[in-house]
Protein backbone atom coordinates (compact mmCIF):
# COMPACT_ATOMS: atom_id res chain seq x y z
CA MET A 1 85.07 102.65 -16.97
CA ALA A 2 84.30 104.63 -13.80
CA LYS A 3 82.53 102.90 -10.97
CA LYS A 4 78.94 104.11 -10.56
CA ILE A 5 77.02 104.70 -7.34
CA GLN A 6 73.25 105.16 -7.31
CA VAL A 7 71.57 107.49 -4.82
CA ARG A 8 68.37 107.37 -2.80
CA ASP A 9 67.42 110.91 -1.79
CA LEU A 10 65.87 111.05 1.69
CA THR A 11 65.22 114.79 1.90
CA LEU A 12 61.42 114.69 1.69
CA ARG A 13 60.95 111.85 4.19
CA ASP A 14 63.81 110.78 6.44
CA GLY A 15 65.64 114.10 6.22
CA GLN A 16 62.72 116.15 7.49
CA GLN A 17 61.80 113.42 9.99
CA SER A 18 65.30 113.37 11.50
CA LEU A 19 65.81 117.13 11.67
CA PHE A 20 62.37 118.73 11.78
CA ALA A 21 60.04 116.18 13.44
CA THR A 22 58.23 115.47 10.12
CA ARG A 23 56.53 118.85 9.85
CA LEU A 24 57.21 119.66 6.17
CA LYS A 25 53.96 120.92 4.66
CA GLN A 26 52.58 119.96 1.26
CA GLU A 27 52.91 123.55 0.03
CA ASN A 28 56.67 123.36 0.59
CA VAL A 29 56.93 119.92 -1.01
CA ASP A 30 55.07 121.22 -4.08
CA LYS A 31 57.70 123.95 -4.61
CA LEU A 32 60.50 121.36 -4.55
CA LEU A 33 59.06 118.64 -6.77
CA PRO A 34 59.45 120.41 -10.15
CA LEU A 35 63.13 120.89 -9.37
CA TYR A 36 63.60 117.19 -8.62
CA LYS A 37 62.75 116.14 -12.19
CA ASP A 38 66.11 117.18 -13.57
CA ALA A 39 68.08 115.74 -10.63
CA ARG A 40 67.17 112.20 -11.67
CA PHE A 41 67.86 110.43 -8.42
CA TYR A 42 67.61 106.66 -8.73
CA ILE A 43 65.14 106.62 -5.83
CA MET A 44 63.35 109.37 -3.89
CA GLU A 45 62.02 108.46 -0.46
CA VAL A 46 58.86 110.53 -0.05
CA TRP A 47 56.45 108.51 2.08
CA GLY A 48 56.06 106.05 4.91
CA GLY A 49 57.87 106.17 8.22
CA ALA A 50 56.27 108.92 10.30
CA VAL A 51 54.83 110.79 7.28
CA PRO A 52 51.32 109.21 7.15
CA ASP A 53 50.92 109.76 10.91
CA SER A 54 52.43 113.25 11.09
CA VAL A 55 50.74 114.84 8.09
CA MET A 56 47.37 113.94 9.62
CA ARG A 57 48.27 114.56 13.25
CA TYR A 58 50.12 117.85 12.96
CA LEU A 59 49.44 119.30 9.51
CA GLY A 60 45.83 118.29 8.86
CA GLU A 61 46.81 116.89 5.46
CA SER A 62 46.06 113.67 3.59
CA PRO A 63 48.88 111.08 3.35
CA TRP A 64 47.39 109.90 0.07
CA ASP A 65 47.53 113.41 -1.38
CA ARG A 66 51.22 113.60 -0.41
CA LEU A 67 52.00 110.42 -2.36
CA ARG A 68 49.80 111.35 -5.34
CA GLU A 69 51.36 114.79 -5.72
CA CYS A 70 54.87 113.33 -5.67
CA SER A 71 53.94 110.72 -8.27
CA LYS A 72 52.18 113.27 -10.50
CA ALA A 73 55.18 115.59 -10.43
CA MET A 74 57.90 112.98 -10.98
CA LYS A 75 56.11 111.07 -13.78
CA GLY A 76 58.32 108.00 -13.32
CA ILE A 77 61.63 109.89 -13.59
CA SER A 78 62.78 108.65 -10.18
CA LEU A 79 61.47 105.61 -8.36
CA LEU A 80 59.38 106.69 -5.37
CA SER A 81 59.95 104.78 -2.17
CA ALA A 82 58.34 104.52 1.24
CA LEU A 83 59.35 102.96 4.52
CA SER A 84 57.10 100.24 5.93
CA ARG A 85 57.37 98.54 9.31
CA GLY A 86 56.40 95.18 7.84
CA ARG A 87 53.57 93.64 9.84
CA ASN A 88 53.05 97.03 11.56
CA LEU A 89 52.86 99.02 8.28
CA PHE A 90 53.10 102.65 9.44
CA GLY A 91 51.28 102.08 12.73
CA TYR A 92 52.04 100.50 16.07
CA VAL A 93 50.25 97.14 16.07
CA PRO A 94 50.58 94.03 13.87
CA TYR A 95 47.97 93.85 11.10
CA PRO A 96 46.50 90.80 9.32
CA ASP A 97 47.36 90.09 5.69
CA TYR A 98 44.21 91.65 4.22
CA VAL A 99 45.05 95.02 5.82
CA LEU A 100 48.62 94.82 4.45
CA GLU A 101 47.31 93.94 1.00
CA GLY A 102 44.76 96.75 0.99
CA PHE A 103 47.32 99.32 2.02
CA TYR A 104 50.06 98.19 -0.37
CA LYS A 105 47.61 97.98 -3.26
CA GLU A 106 46.38 101.54 -2.64
CA ALA A 107 49.96 102.82 -2.27
CA ILE A 108 51.12 101.28 -5.55
CA LYS A 109 47.98 102.55 -7.29
CA ASN A 110 48.86 106.05 -6.12
CA GLY A 111 52.41 105.94 -7.47
CA LEU A 112 54.63 104.06 -5.04
CA ASN A 113 57.42 101.98 -6.65
CA VAL A 114 59.78 100.78 -3.90
CA MET A 115 58.70 99.65 -0.46
CA ARG A 116 61.56 99.44 2.03
CA ILE A 117 60.32 96.84 4.50
CA PHE A 118 61.84 96.31 7.93
CA ASP A 119 60.97 94.85 11.26
CA ALA A 120 62.18 96.59 14.38
CA LEU A 121 63.15 93.26 15.94
CA ASN A 122 64.64 91.79 12.73
CA ASP A 123 61.97 89.09 13.05
CA LEU A 124 61.69 87.60 9.55
CA ASP A 125 58.16 86.36 10.18
CA ASN A 126 57.06 89.98 10.45
CA ILE A 127 58.24 90.92 6.92
CA ARG A 128 57.49 87.71 5.01
CA GLU A 129 54.00 88.63 3.81
CA SER A 130 54.96 92.21 2.96
CA VAL A 131 57.72 90.99 0.63
CA ARG A 132 55.35 88.58 -1.09
CA LEU A 133 52.57 91.16 -1.48
CA ILE A 134 54.78 93.97 -2.77
CA ASN A 135 56.30 91.65 -5.38
CA GLU A 136 52.91 90.31 -6.46
CA LEU A 137 51.36 93.78 -6.69
CA GLY A 138 54.09 95.00 -9.03
CA GLY A 139 56.25 96.93 -6.58
CA ILE A 140 59.93 96.49 -5.72
CA SER A 141 60.56 94.92 -2.33
CA ASP A 142 63.55 96.38 -0.50
CA THR A 143 64.13 94.69 2.84
CA ALA A 144 66.16 96.34 5.57
CA VAL A 145 68.34 94.67 8.17
CA CYS A 146 68.17 96.91 11.23
CA TYR A 147 71.65 97.57 12.55
CA THR A 148 72.29 97.81 16.26
CA VAL A 149 75.07 97.06 18.74
CA ASP A 150 75.48 95.05 21.89
CA PRO A 151 75.46 96.99 25.17
CA LYS A 152 78.78 98.50 26.16
CA GLY A 153 80.96 96.10 28.11
CA THR A 154 79.56 92.90 26.52
CA LYS A 155 82.25 90.24 26.26
CA GLU A 156 83.34 89.43 22.71
CA GLU A 157 82.20 85.80 22.95
CA GLU A 158 78.77 86.89 24.25
CA LYS A 159 78.02 89.42 21.52
CA ILE A 160 74.89 88.85 19.46
CA PHE A 161 75.07 91.59 16.82
CA THR A 162 78.10 90.32 14.89
CA ASP A 163 78.85 90.68 11.16
CA GLU A 164 77.56 87.14 10.74
CA TYR A 165 74.26 88.04 12.43
CA PHE A 166 73.58 90.79 9.87
CA VAL A 167 74.78 88.73 6.88
CA GLU A 168 72.55 85.79 7.83
CA LYS A 169 69.55 88.09 8.23
CA ALA A 170 70.26 89.63 4.80
CA LYS A 171 70.59 86.22 3.13
CA ALA A 172 67.30 85.09 4.65
CA MET A 173 65.60 88.25 3.35
CA GLU A 174 66.94 87.64 -0.15
CA ALA A 175 65.59 84.09 0.07
CA LEU A 176 62.16 85.54 0.87
CA GLY A 177 62.25 87.36 -2.49
CA ALA A 178 63.70 90.78 -1.67
CA LYS A 179 64.83 92.68 -4.80
CA MET A 180 67.35 94.77 -2.85
CA ILE A 181 68.77 94.73 0.67
CA THR A 182 69.41 97.77 2.87
CA LEU A 183 71.71 97.86 5.86
CA LYS A 184 69.58 100.25 7.88
CA ASP A 185 71.61 102.07 10.51
CA MET A 186 68.89 104.26 11.99
CA ALA A 187 70.99 105.40 14.95
CA GLY A 188 74.20 106.12 13.01
CA LEU A 189 76.06 103.52 15.06
CA VAL A 190 77.90 101.84 12.16
CA ASN A 191 81.44 103.09 12.62
CA PRO A 192 83.84 103.06 9.65
CA ALA A 193 85.84 100.06 10.88
CA ARG A 194 82.63 98.03 11.13
CA ILE A 195 81.38 98.92 7.64
CA TYR A 196 84.89 98.14 6.34
CA THR A 197 84.42 94.47 7.34
CA LEU A 198 80.65 94.15 7.00
CA MET A 199 80.03 95.63 3.52
CA PRO A 200 82.31 93.17 1.62
CA LYS A 201 80.67 90.26 3.46
CA LEU A 202 77.20 91.49 2.44
CA LYS A 203 78.29 91.97 -1.17
CA GLU A 204 79.82 88.50 -1.31
CA ALA A 205 76.78 86.81 0.24
CA LEU A 206 74.06 88.57 -1.82
CA LYS A 207 73.10 88.67 -5.49
CA VAL A 208 70.75 91.67 -5.18
CA PRO A 209 71.93 95.31 -4.86
CA VAL A 210 73.01 96.52 -1.41
CA ASP A 211 71.96 99.94 -0.08
CA PHE A 212 73.56 101.64 2.94
CA HIS A 213 71.47 103.91 5.17
CA THR A 214 73.01 105.73 8.12
CA HIS A 215 72.86 108.99 10.11
CA CYS A 216 75.46 111.51 11.25
CA THR A 217 74.20 111.94 14.81
CA PRO A 218 77.10 110.29 16.72
CA GLY A 219 79.69 111.50 14.19
CA TYR A 220 80.24 108.36 12.07
CA GLY A 221 77.93 108.98 9.11
CA LEU A 222 80.14 110.78 6.58
CA ALA A 223 83.16 108.55 7.24
CA SER A 224 81.08 105.37 7.13
CA VAL A 225 79.41 106.26 3.80
CA LEU A 226 82.84 107.00 2.30
CA THR A 227 84.07 103.62 3.56
CA ALA A 228 80.97 101.86 2.17
CA ILE A 229 81.63 103.38 -1.29
CA ILE A 230 85.24 102.18 -1.20
CA GLN A 231 84.09 98.74 -0.01
CA GLY A 232 81.63 98.15 -2.85
CA VAL A 233 78.14 99.39 -1.86
CA ASP A 234 75.66 99.78 -4.76
CA ILE A 235 73.30 102.49 -3.44
CA ILE A 236 73.80 105.18 -0.81
CA ASP A 237 71.21 107.23 1.07
CA THR A 238 71.82 110.99 1.31
CA ASN A 239 70.04 114.30 1.90
CA ILE A 240 70.42 117.62 0.14
CA TRP A 241 72.48 120.21 2.02
CA TRP A 242 70.05 122.07 4.28
CA PHE A 243 68.36 118.78 5.28
CA GLY A 244 71.60 116.79 5.74
CA GLY A 245 74.09 116.14 8.51
CA GLY A 246 73.38 116.41 12.22
CA SER A 247 70.84 113.75 13.13
CA ALA A 248 70.09 113.08 9.43
CA ALA A 249 72.03 111.21 6.74
CA PRO A 250 75.11 112.86 5.19
CA ALA A 251 74.73 115.70 2.70
CA ILE A 252 75.10 114.57 -0.91
CA GLU A 253 77.35 117.54 -1.65
CA LEU A 254 80.14 116.22 0.60
CA ILE A 255 79.75 112.72 -0.84
CA TRP A 256 80.00 114.26 -4.33
CA ILE A 257 83.37 115.84 -3.48
CA PHE A 258 84.66 112.46 -2.30
CA CYS A 259 83.37 110.74 -5.46
CA GLN A 260 85.05 113.34 -7.67
CA LYS A 261 88.37 112.58 -6.01
CA LEU A 262 87.78 108.79 -6.13
CA GLY A 263 86.83 108.81 -9.82
CA VAL A 264 83.42 107.38 -8.90
CA GLU A 265 80.39 108.50 -10.90
CA LEU A 266 77.53 109.62 -8.66
CA GLU A 267 74.43 109.04 -10.80
CA VAL A 268 72.80 112.40 -10.08
CA ASN A 269 72.60 115.75 -11.89
CA MET A 270 74.38 117.98 -9.37
CA ASP A 271 73.43 121.17 -11.26
CA ALA A 272 69.79 120.30 -10.61
CA VAL A 273 70.62 119.48 -6.98
CA ALA A 274 71.99 123.03 -6.66
CA LYS A 275 68.59 124.43 -7.69
CA ILE A 276 66.82 122.24 -5.12
CA ARG A 277 69.32 123.40 -2.51
CA LYS A 278 68.35 127.05 -3.05
CA GLU A 279 64.63 126.31 -2.56
CA LEU A 280 65.36 124.15 0.51
CA VAL A 281 66.50 127.29 2.33
CA ASN A 282 62.88 128.51 2.32
CA ALA A 283 61.57 125.10 3.34
CA ARG A 284 63.93 125.05 6.33
CA LYS A 285 62.94 128.57 7.36
CA ALA A 286 59.30 127.42 7.40
CA LEU A 287 60.31 124.64 9.83
CA SER A 288 62.12 126.91 12.30
CA ASP A 289 59.84 125.97 15.21
CA PHE A 290 61.06 122.37 14.94
CA ASP A 291 64.66 123.00 13.89
CA LEU A 292 67.10 121.43 16.34
CA ASN A 293 69.82 123.73 15.00
CA LYS A 294 67.78 126.83 14.21
CA ASN A 295 70.57 129.16 15.38
CA ASN A 296 73.42 127.12 13.96
CA TRP A 297 72.85 126.47 10.26
CA PRO A 298 75.62 125.10 8.07
CA LYS A 299 77.35 127.53 5.72
CA ASP A 300 76.00 128.06 2.23
CA PHE A 301 77.57 125.19 0.28
CA ASP A 302 78.30 127.09 -2.93
CA GLU A 303 80.05 129.91 -1.10
CA ALA A 304 81.95 127.64 1.29
CA TYR A 305 83.03 125.24 -1.48
CA LYS A 306 84.24 128.10 -3.65
CA ALA A 307 86.27 129.54 -0.75
CA MET A 308 87.43 126.16 0.60
CA PRO A 309 91.06 126.49 1.78
CA ALA A 310 93.76 124.08 0.68
CA GLU A 311 94.03 122.50 4.12
CA ILE A 312 90.35 121.43 4.05
CA ASP A 313 90.69 120.12 0.48
CA ALA A 314 93.62 118.09 1.76
CA GLU A 315 91.40 116.60 4.51
CA PHE A 316 89.22 115.02 1.79
CA ASP A 317 92.31 113.35 0.31
CA LYS A 318 93.49 112.22 3.75
CA ALA A 319 90.05 110.80 4.58
CA ILE A 320 90.07 108.71 1.39
CA GLU A 321 93.47 107.22 2.20
CA TYR A 322 92.52 106.56 5.82
CA ALA A 323 89.27 104.88 4.71
CA LYS A 324 91.16 102.61 2.30
CA GLU A 325 93.58 101.64 5.08
CA CYS A 326 90.86 101.33 7.75
CA LYS A 327 92.53 103.87 10.03
CA GLU A 328 89.36 104.82 11.83
CA ALA A 329 90.58 107.43 14.32
CA GLU A 330 92.41 109.39 11.62
CA LEU A 331 89.47 109.04 9.20
CA LEU A 332 87.00 110.39 11.76
CA GLU A 333 89.27 113.29 12.62
CA ALA A 334 89.53 114.27 8.95
CA CYS A 335 85.76 114.02 8.39
CA HIS A 336 85.00 116.02 11.53
CA LYS A 337 87.33 118.79 10.32
CA ILE A 338 85.48 118.82 6.99
CA GLU A 339 82.08 118.98 8.71
CA ALA A 340 83.30 121.70 11.08
CA TYR A 341 84.51 123.84 8.17
CA PHE A 342 81.12 123.58 6.44
CA GLY A 343 79.31 124.31 9.70
CA PHE A 344 77.59 121.00 10.45
CA PRO A 345 76.88 120.09 14.10
CA LYS A 346 79.48 118.32 16.19
CA PRO A 347 78.87 114.65 17.09
CA ASN A 348 76.08 114.38 19.64
CA GLU A 349 77.66 112.63 22.62
CA ILE A 350 74.35 112.16 24.47
CA VAL A 351 72.83 110.37 21.47
CA LYS A 352 76.04 108.42 20.90
CA ASN A 353 76.13 107.13 24.48
CA ALA A 354 72.40 106.36 24.59
CA GLU A 355 72.59 104.70 21.14
CA VAL A 356 69.39 106.18 19.70
CA PRO A 357 68.24 107.21 16.18
CA GLY A 358 68.19 110.85 15.13
CA GLY A 359 64.46 110.79 14.34
CA MET A 360 63.75 109.40 17.79
CA TYR A 361 65.83 112.16 19.36
CA SER A 362 64.22 114.99 17.35
CA ASN A 363 60.74 113.67 18.13
CA MET A 364 61.52 113.44 21.85
CA VAL A 365 62.78 117.03 21.78
CA ALA A 366 59.75 118.28 19.81
CA ASN A 367 57.24 116.51 22.05
CA LEU A 368 58.91 117.51 25.32
CA ARG A 369 59.18 121.10 24.06
CA ALA A 370 55.45 121.08 23.29
CA LEU A 371 54.82 119.77 26.82
CA ASN A 372 57.13 122.40 28.33
CA ALA A 373 59.16 119.56 29.87
CA GLU A 374 62.51 119.78 28.08
CA ASP A 375 64.35 119.52 31.38
CA VAL A 376 63.45 115.80 31.48
CA LEU A 377 65.31 115.06 28.21
CA GLU A 378 68.78 114.34 29.60
CA GLU A 379 67.44 112.00 32.30
CA ALA A 380 65.25 110.17 29.78
CA MET A 381 68.12 109.78 27.30
CA ALA A 382 70.32 108.29 30.01
CA LEU A 383 67.61 105.72 30.83
CA ILE A 384 67.08 104.50 27.25
CA PRO A 385 69.80 101.78 27.41
CA LYS A 386 68.20 100.36 30.58
CA VAL A 387 64.70 100.30 29.08
CA ARG A 388 66.07 98.71 25.92
CA ARG A 389 67.85 95.92 27.83
CA ASP A 390 64.80 95.27 29.99
CA ALA A 391 62.67 94.87 26.85
CA GLY A 392 64.87 92.21 25.21
CA LEU A 393 67.72 94.26 23.69
CA VAL A 394 65.53 95.55 20.89
CA PRO A 395 67.02 97.61 18.05
CA LEU A 396 65.79 101.20 18.19
CA VAL A 397 63.76 102.02 15.10
CA THR A 398 60.09 102.94 14.82
CA PRO A 399 57.99 101.65 16.50
CA THR A 400 60.42 100.31 19.14
CA SER A 401 62.27 103.65 19.28
CA GLN A 402 59.02 105.48 20.06
CA ILE A 403 57.97 102.82 22.56
CA VAL A 404 61.30 102.78 24.38
CA GLY A 405 61.71 106.57 24.18
CA SER A 406 58.26 107.23 25.59
CA GLN A 407 58.82 104.66 28.34
CA ALA A 408 62.19 106.22 29.20
CA VAL A 409 60.45 109.59 29.67
CA ALA A 410 57.84 107.92 31.89
CA LEU A 411 60.61 106.21 33.88
CA ALA A 412 62.42 109.54 34.35
CA LEU A 413 59.19 111.09 35.63
CA ASP A 414 58.62 108.09 37.95
CA ARG A 415 62.02 108.68 39.52
CA ARG A 416 61.50 112.42 39.81
CA ASN A 417 58.21 111.82 41.58
CA GLY A 418 59.70 109.24 43.97
CA LYS A 419 57.75 106.33 42.46
CA PRO A 420 59.07 102.82 41.74
CA ASP A 421 60.41 102.21 38.23
CA TYR A 422 57.73 101.41 35.66
CA SER A 423 54.86 102.75 37.77
CA ASN A 424 53.62 104.36 34.54
CA LYS A 425 53.73 102.08 31.50
CA ASN A 426 52.57 102.88 27.98
CA ASN A 427 50.32 100.28 26.41
CA GLN A 428 52.74 99.58 23.57
CA PHE A 429 55.60 98.87 26.00
CA ILE A 430 53.37 96.32 27.71
CA GLY A 431 52.67 94.76 24.30
CA LEU A 432 56.37 94.69 23.40
CA VAL A 433 57.34 92.94 26.65
CA LYS A 434 54.40 90.57 26.33
CA GLY A 435 55.63 89.41 22.89
CA GLU A 436 53.02 91.01 20.66
CA TYR A 437 55.61 92.67 18.39
CA GLY A 438 57.51 89.45 17.70
CA LYS A 439 60.60 87.67 18.98
CA THR A 440 63.09 90.00 20.65
CA PRO A 441 66.81 89.40 19.96
CA VAL A 442 67.24 88.40 23.62
CA ALA A 443 64.53 86.71 25.66
CA VAL A 444 62.78 88.98 28.17
CA ASP A 445 63.29 88.00 31.82
CA PRO A 446 60.04 86.26 32.89
CA LYS A 447 60.10 88.15 36.22
CA PHE A 448 60.27 91.47 34.39
CA ARG A 449 57.52 90.37 32.00
CA GLU A 450 55.32 89.52 34.99
CA GLN A 451 56.07 92.93 36.55
CA ILE A 452 55.02 94.72 33.36
CA THR A 453 52.24 92.52 31.97
CA GLY A 454 50.99 90.58 35.00
CA SER A 455 52.14 87.23 33.59
CA PRO A 456 55.58 85.65 33.09
CA GLU A 457 54.34 83.91 29.91
CA GLU A 458 55.17 85.22 26.45
CA LYS A 459 51.98 85.88 24.47
CA PRO A 460 52.49 86.65 20.76
CA TYR A 461 49.95 88.84 19.01
CA ASP A 462 47.32 86.78 17.22
CA VAL A 463 46.34 88.63 14.04
CA SER A 464 43.20 86.52 13.83
CA THR A 465 41.89 88.51 16.79
CA TYR A 466 42.18 91.77 14.84
CA ARG A 467 38.83 93.48 14.40
CA LYS A 468 38.25 96.12 11.79
CA PRO A 469 37.63 99.50 13.40
CA ALA A 470 34.15 100.87 13.02
CA ASN A 471 33.51 103.58 10.48
CA PRO A 472 31.65 105.79 12.95
CA GLU A 473 28.85 108.11 11.99
CA PHE A 474 29.68 111.78 12.07
CA GLU A 475 26.78 114.19 11.88
CA GLY A 476 24.57 111.62 10.18
CA ALA A 477 27.06 110.19 7.66
CA PRO A 478 29.99 107.72 7.74
CA LEU A 479 33.18 109.43 8.91
CA ALA A 480 35.35 107.77 6.22
CA LYS A 481 33.87 108.46 2.79
CA ASN A 482 35.92 106.01 0.72
CA ASP A 483 38.36 103.09 0.89
CA GLU A 484 41.50 105.19 1.26
CA GLU A 485 40.04 107.11 4.21
CA TYR A 486 38.90 103.88 5.84
CA LEU A 487 42.42 102.45 5.40
CA LEU A 488 43.67 105.38 7.48
CA LEU A 489 41.18 104.44 10.21
CA GLN A 490 42.52 100.88 10.13
CA LEU A 491 46.09 102.07 10.33
CA LEU A 492 45.96 104.85 12.93
CA PRO A 493 42.46 104.85 14.44
CA ALA A 494 42.80 107.71 16.93
CA VAL A 495 44.84 110.01 14.68
CA ALA A 496 42.73 109.31 11.58
CA THR A 497 39.49 109.83 13.51
CA ASN A 498 40.56 113.28 14.63
CA TYR A 499 41.89 114.13 11.17
CA LEU A 500 38.77 112.96 9.32
CA LYS A 501 36.51 114.81 11.76
CA SER A 502 38.42 118.00 11.00
CA VAL A 503 38.04 117.32 7.26
CA ARG A 504 34.29 116.77 7.58
CA LYS A 505 33.93 119.91 9.73
CA ALA A 506 35.88 121.93 7.17
CA GLU A 507 33.66 120.61 4.39
CA LYS A 508 30.57 121.58 6.34
CA ALA A 509 31.96 125.00 7.23
CA ALA A 510 32.76 125.65 3.58
CA ALA A 511 29.17 124.84 2.67
CA ALA A 512 27.56 126.83 5.50
CA PRO A 513 29.77 128.51 8.13
CA ALA A 514 28.53 127.71 11.62
CA PRO A 515 28.12 130.40 14.29
CA GLU A 516 30.81 130.54 16.98
CA VAL A 517 29.85 128.74 20.18
CA LYS A 518 31.45 129.99 23.37
CA LYS A 519 32.32 127.34 25.94
CA GLU A 520 32.87 127.86 29.63
CA LYS A 521 36.58 128.06 30.34
CA LYS A 522 37.77 125.14 32.43
CA GLU A 523 40.26 127.38 34.22
CA ASP A 524 37.26 129.23 35.75
CA ILE A 525 36.13 126.04 37.55
CA VAL A 526 36.98 125.99 41.27
CA ILE A 527 38.17 122.57 42.45
CA THR A 528 37.28 121.62 46.02
CA GLY A 529 37.62 117.80 46.03
CA THR A 530 40.56 115.46 45.53
CA VAL A 531 41.71 114.97 41.95
CA GLU A 532 43.47 112.58 39.60
CA VAL A 533 46.25 114.33 37.66
CA ALA A 534 48.10 113.66 34.40
CA PRO A 535 51.50 111.97 35.00
CA MET A 536 52.73 113.35 31.66
CA GLY A 537 51.39 115.89 29.18
CA GLY A 538 49.58 114.67 26.08
CA LYS A 539 46.20 114.51 24.37
CA VAL A 540 42.99 112.94 25.71
CA LEU A 541 41.81 110.11 23.45
CA GLU A 542 38.97 108.60 25.50
CA VAL A 543 37.17 109.44 28.74
CA LYS A 544 35.94 106.26 30.45
CA CYS A 545 34.05 107.78 33.38
CA LYS A 546 31.29 110.33 34.03
CA PRO A 547 29.92 112.23 37.03
CA GLY A 548 28.39 109.86 39.55
CA ASP A 549 30.60 106.89 38.65
CA LYS A 550 32.48 105.18 41.46
CA LEU A 551 36.15 104.58 40.70
CA GLU A 552 38.24 102.09 42.64
CA PRO A 553 42.03 102.45 42.78
CA GLY A 554 43.37 100.78 39.63
CA ASP A 555 40.28 101.43 37.49
CA VAL A 556 41.07 102.85 34.05
CA TYR A 557 39.26 106.17 33.85
CA MET A 558 40.90 107.74 30.79
CA VAL A 559 43.11 106.95 27.78
CA TYR A 560 45.54 109.60 26.62
CA GLU A 561 48.36 109.90 24.15
CA ALA A 562 51.86 111.11 25.04
CA MET A 563 55.00 110.90 22.88
CA LYS A 564 52.79 109.20 20.22
CA MET A 565 52.00 106.34 22.63
CA GLU A 566 48.60 105.46 24.07
CA ASN A 567 48.48 105.23 27.87
CA ASP A 568 45.80 103.98 30.23
CA LEU A 569 45.30 106.23 33.25
CA GLU A 570 44.41 104.25 36.37
CA ALA A 571 42.77 105.83 39.39
CA GLU A 572 45.11 106.33 42.33
CA GLU A 573 42.70 108.00 44.78
CA GLY A 574 39.35 106.49 43.88
CA GLY A 575 35.93 107.78 44.89
CA ILE A 576 32.69 109.14 43.44
CA VAL A 577 33.35 111.24 40.33
CA LYS A 578 32.10 114.80 40.79
CA ARG A 579 33.40 116.28 37.56
CA VAL A 580 35.48 115.29 34.57
CA LEU A 581 37.69 118.31 33.97
CA VAL A 582 38.81 117.57 30.39
CA ASP A 583 37.16 116.52 27.15
CA GLU A 584 38.22 114.04 24.49
CA GLY A 585 40.61 115.80 22.13
CA ASP A 586 41.94 118.20 24.80
CA THR A 587 45.68 118.75 25.13
CA ILE A 588 46.73 118.33 28.75
CA ALA A 589 49.83 119.33 30.71
CA THR A 590 51.88 117.33 33.21
CA ASP A 591 50.14 117.33 36.64
CA GLN A 592 46.95 118.88 35.19
CA PRO A 593 43.80 117.84 37.14
CA LEU A 594 41.67 115.46 35.08
CA VAL A 595 38.93 114.14 37.37
CA GLU A 596 37.55 115.62 40.59
CA TYR A 597 35.94 113.46 43.27
CA GLU A 598 33.08 114.31 45.63
């Protein structure tokens, strides 16, 4: 009897997040869903991660509609899964149990089956309640051990992230009640030799199924998935061709070729996958503004496979033998030749050296491109390992990847502007160093904590201090009209507020279109006094001063968002405010004047 491997398709969530900054619109998803019915993937990941945030923030769409439409179309054929950050859900702060319960209950009601739960710090206390709640509410709890590596040059006896570290974390998660365990390699750092030793240890230690999730960014992904299959994994994560490879997970088509040669049954209808592949071409074209490889697409699989020369076919056979013998260098060479023939990107050496996830990289590129500051990228990438070490050697996965990435950009800008390191700190980085996100793998240096937070003492987040956000009035009525809208306010207050305001405005415009109101252009204003300027481009969330106010150096006069992180802007000059030059909701550029003094 042939060995069977089950598949979790990531195309509609992690695939688009890793390659296209999570900009896939509902209209494109709707065209794909009917084709997925016949594919019969074991699991389809369609929600969670950056999707709830991004569909509101960038697309003006409802996260709940996204989940409902997927559930309606699939009708239970494939299990639908989402990615949850445990105590942080899909947001950036820890939430109390009643918020977790409300969100999980609504998600399961709207069609969610599997919740993959992880904590960016691998802090078990941060996933405990999520596992319990998902199980009690009738869902399937899938807990993820976040894979990371020790900094380069760490002595063998001083390493923390050993095989035993990951096995013990997995066993503890199973003891909490997890129904499956995922080794979550968000940065693609699991090399084949490591998965060769680690996968058998996980299989031996666990009774529940083991899933392997990785990315191709540094060049290990295809070889490591092949090795995981040979070494006994139960479920693998893949994407369909046009959304695979590069900074995403491997393409299922290449895995299918390996499985054919291994005599392993991949539990997917590949004829149906071919139909999805053809429609994905149009979906990718629609995402061209966010495509990291817009001028370097892979070859059409059907044409390239049909014309595949004997020497490339032989590389598949070589790769299988090298994987069985754990000859890593030869295995990687064979897989890279295969990927090169099919036109997938070469290993990203910058990402490999900085040890960052593909989704983090694509989001940094997309945000810096929007800010017209792409020239900062290389400097920021080089600073990520330093920021990570300073913050307690945290694994890089949302939200820590966003926090560290944003702070690395700020640090690069500090150095460019001749300022001391960490002159500009995002609020979430302060919280991470303070201890609000949980226990870091390595203790933060008290001197560094004092530099960042003002105190050397660790101060964990107390969920009892959480206060429900107000449901503000908007034009005489509550902004959130029902429970699911209010849950969005609880989860992502600033993003949901802007989204719901746009929904209410659209509803009003549909009922009675309002006349166009012309506003004075800010660029016509002549500035004569000293000003406070934006250290980094972003979006104004809150203005905390008005004309006539006196600001002292260090006073917080504005809150803005950059790289998805909230930042307090403190006055450097100080003085009597003459004019505030931006409004809440405005998009601002680096060095743009914000406040003018008398």
